C-alpha atoms as a PDB file:
ATOM      1  CA  MET A   1       0.000   0.000   0.000  1.00  0.00           C
ATOM      2  CA  GLN A   2       1.223   3.480  -0.861  1.00  0.00           C
ATOM      3  CA  LEU A   3       0.233   6.482   1.236  1.00  0.00           C
ATOM      4  CA  THR A   4       0.428   9.973  -0.201  1.00  0.00           C
ATOM      5  CA  VAL A   5       0.103  13.103   1.906  1.00  0.00           C
ATOM      6  CA  GLY A   6      -0.469  16.506   0.412  1.00  0.00           C
ATOM      7  CA  LEU A   7      -1.768  19.971   1.096  1.00  0.00           C
ATOM      8  CA  ARG A   8      -4.798  21.585  -0.477  1.00  0.00           C
ATOM      9  CA  TRP A   9      -5.279  25.319  -0.821  1.00  0.00           C
ATOM     10  CA  LEU A  10      -8.877  26.437  -0.333  1.00  0.00           C
ATOM     11  CA  ALA A  11     -10.418  29.846  -0.975  1.00  0.00           C
ATOM     12  CA  GLY A  12     -13.796  29.569   0.657  1.00  0.00           C
ATOM     13  CA  SER A  13     -15.137  26.292  -0.684  1.00  0.00           C
ATOM     14  CA  ALA A  14     -13.136  26.511  -3.942  1.00  0.00           C
ATOM     15  CA  GLU A  15      -9.929  24.523  -4.255  1.00  0.00           C
ATOM     16  CA  VAL A  16      -6.965  26.535  -5.566  1.00  0.00           C
ATOM     17  CA  ASP A  17      -4.928  24.959  -8.349  1.00  0.00           C
ATOM     18  CA  PRO A  18      -1.378  24.522  -6.915  1.00  0.00           C
ATOM     19  CA  ARG A  19       0.016  25.634 -10.273  1.00  0.00           C
ATOM     20  CA  LEU A  20      -1.540  29.020  -9.602  1.00  0.00           C
ATOM     21  CA  ILE A  21       0.662  29.455  -6.532  1.00  0.00           C
ATOM     22  CA  ALA A  22       3.650  28.471  -8.701  1.00  0.00           C
ATOM     23  CA  LEU A  23       2.511  31.046 -11.275  1.00  0.00           C
ATOM     24  CA  LEU A  24       2.371  33.769  -8.624  1.00  0.00           C
ATOM     25  CA  ALA A  25       5.876  32.850  -7.451  1.00  0.00           C
ATOM     26  CA  ALA A  26       7.129  32.969 -11.042  1.00  0.00           C
ATOM     27  CA  ILE A  27       5.528  36.392 -11.578  1.00  0.00           C
ATOM     28  CA  GLU A  28       7.286  37.663  -8.473  1.00  0.00           C
ATOM     29  CA  ALA A  29      10.622  36.214  -9.596  1.00  0.00           C
ATOM     30  CA  ARG A  30      10.418  37.317 -13.239  1.00  0.00           C
ATOM     31  CA  GLY A  31       8.295  40.469 -13.158  1.00  0.00           C
ATOM     32  CA  SER A  32       6.533  39.354 -16.325  1.00  0.00           C
ATOM     33  CA  LEU A  33       3.306  37.425 -16.775  1.00  0.00           C
ATOM     34  CA  LYS A  34       4.457  36.081 -20.153  1.00  0.00           C
ATOM     35  CA  GLN A  35       7.729  34.745 -18.721  1.00  0.00           C
ATOM     36  CA  ALA A  36       5.973  33.337 -15.655  1.00  0.00           C
ATOM     37  CA  ILE A  37       3.438  31.470 -17.779  1.00  0.00           C
ATOM     38  CA  ALA A  38       6.236  29.939 -19.851  1.00  0.00           C
ATOM     39  CA  ALA A  39       8.081  28.916 -16.681  1.00  0.00           C
ATOM     40  CA  VAL A  40       5.122  26.997 -15.236  1.00  0.00           C
ATOM     41  CA  GLY A  41       3.919  25.572 -18.555  1.00  0.00           C
ATOM     42  CA  MET A  42       0.467  27.127 -18.520  1.00  0.00           C
ATOM     43  CA  SER A  43      -1.337  28.771 -21.423  1.00  0.00           C
ATOM     44  CA  TYR A  44      -1.981  32.506 -21.234  1.00  0.00           C
ATOM     45  CA  ARG A  45      -5.740  31.966 -21.411  1.00  0.00           C
ATOM     46  CA  HIS A  46      -5.729  29.289 -18.710  1.00  0.00           C
ATOM     47  CA  ALA A  47      -3.572  31.439 -16.422  1.00  0.00           C
ATOM     48  CA  TRP A  48      -5.908  34.439 -16.758  1.00  0.00           C
ATOM     49  CA  GLU A  49      -8.959  32.251 -16.197  1.00  0.00           C
ATOM     50  CA  ARG A  50      -7.495  30.761 -12.994  1.00  0.00           C
ATOM     51  CA  LEU A  51      -6.234  34.109 -11.704  1.00  0.00           C
ATOM     52  CA  GLY A  52      -9.565  35.765 -12.443  1.00  0.00           C
ATOM     53  CA  ARG A  53     -11.528  33.019 -10.719  1.00  0.00           C
ATOM     54  CA  LEU A  54      -9.396  33.182  -7.571  1.00  0.00           C
ATOM     55  CA  GLU A  55      -9.463  36.996  -7.486  1.00  0.00           C
ATOM     56  CA  SER A  56     -13.243  36.807  -7.777  1.00  0.00           C
ATOM     57  CA  VAL A  57     -13.543  34.356  -4.879  1.00  0.00           C
ATOM     58  CA  LEU A  58     -11.167  36.423  -2.737  1.00  0.00           C
ATOM     59  CA  ASP A  59     -12.694  39.710  -3.952  1.00  0.00           C
ATOM     60  CA  ALA A  60      -9.178  41.107  -4.230  1.00  0.00           C
ATOM     61  CA  ARG A  61      -6.450  41.541  -6.835  1.00  0.00           C
ATOM     62  CA  LEU A  62      -3.416  39.235  -6.758  1.00  0.00           C
ATOM     63  CA  VAL A  63      -1.477  40.672  -9.696  1.00  0.00           C
ATOM     64  CA  GLU A  64      -1.082  44.199 -10.995  1.00  0.00           C
ATOM     65  CA  LEU A  65      -0.204  44.671 -14.648  1.00  0.00           C
ATOM     66  CA  GLU A  66       1.182  47.929 -15.971  1.00  0.00           C
ATOM     67  CA  ARG A  67       1.708  48.496 -19.665  1.00  0.00           C
ATOM     68  CA  GLY A  68       5.435  48.673 -20.314  1.00  0.00           C
ATOM     69  CA  ARG A  69       6.292  47.787 -16.714  1.00  0.00           C
ATOM     70  CA  GLY A  70       5.399  44.108 -16.541  1.00  0.00           C
ATOM     71  CA  ALA A  71       3.589  42.409 -13.690  1.00  0.00           C
ATOM     72  CA  ARG A  72       3.927  42.504  -9.947  1.00  0.00           C
ATOM     73  CA  LEU A  73       2.124  40.879  -7.072  1.00  0.00           C
ATOM     74  CA  THR A  74      -0.162  42.735  -4.727  1.00  0.00           C
ATOM     75  CA  ALA A  75       0.361  42.361  -0.985  1.00  0.00           C
ATOM     76  CA  LEU A  76      -2.164  39.501  -0.983  1.00  0.00           C
ATOM     77  CA  GLY A  77      -0.402  37.793  -3.905  1.00  0.00           C
ATOM     78  CA  LYS A  78       2.890  38.017  -2.027  1.00  0.00           C
ATOM     79  CA  ALA A  79       1.297  36.618   1.130  1.00  0.00           C
ATOM     80  CA  LEU A  80      -0.017  33.587  -0.777  1.00  0.00           C
ATOM     81  CA  VAL A  81       3.437  32.886  -2.187  1.00  0.00           C
ATOM     82  CA  GLU A  82       5.072  33.236   1.231  1.00  0.00           C
ATOM     83  CA  HIS A  83       2.643  30.849   2.880  1.00  0.00           C
END
């Protein structure tokens, strides 16, 4: 018998895709949504869908995008990555 133990991230009753936490960490490290998406192997559309869904559940922004300046995490986005 094989036993596997893991952690689940929940936002309310919605389970958070662990790749989304990896995406947030990659955004923080690279400062670019495009580079972060490539690093975690997620499509641009899928990444935006997941981010949007979680931001909606949390009723707060996780990522700030500025034209010509890339992407950066909000305080909440940083807290998720740290935890």
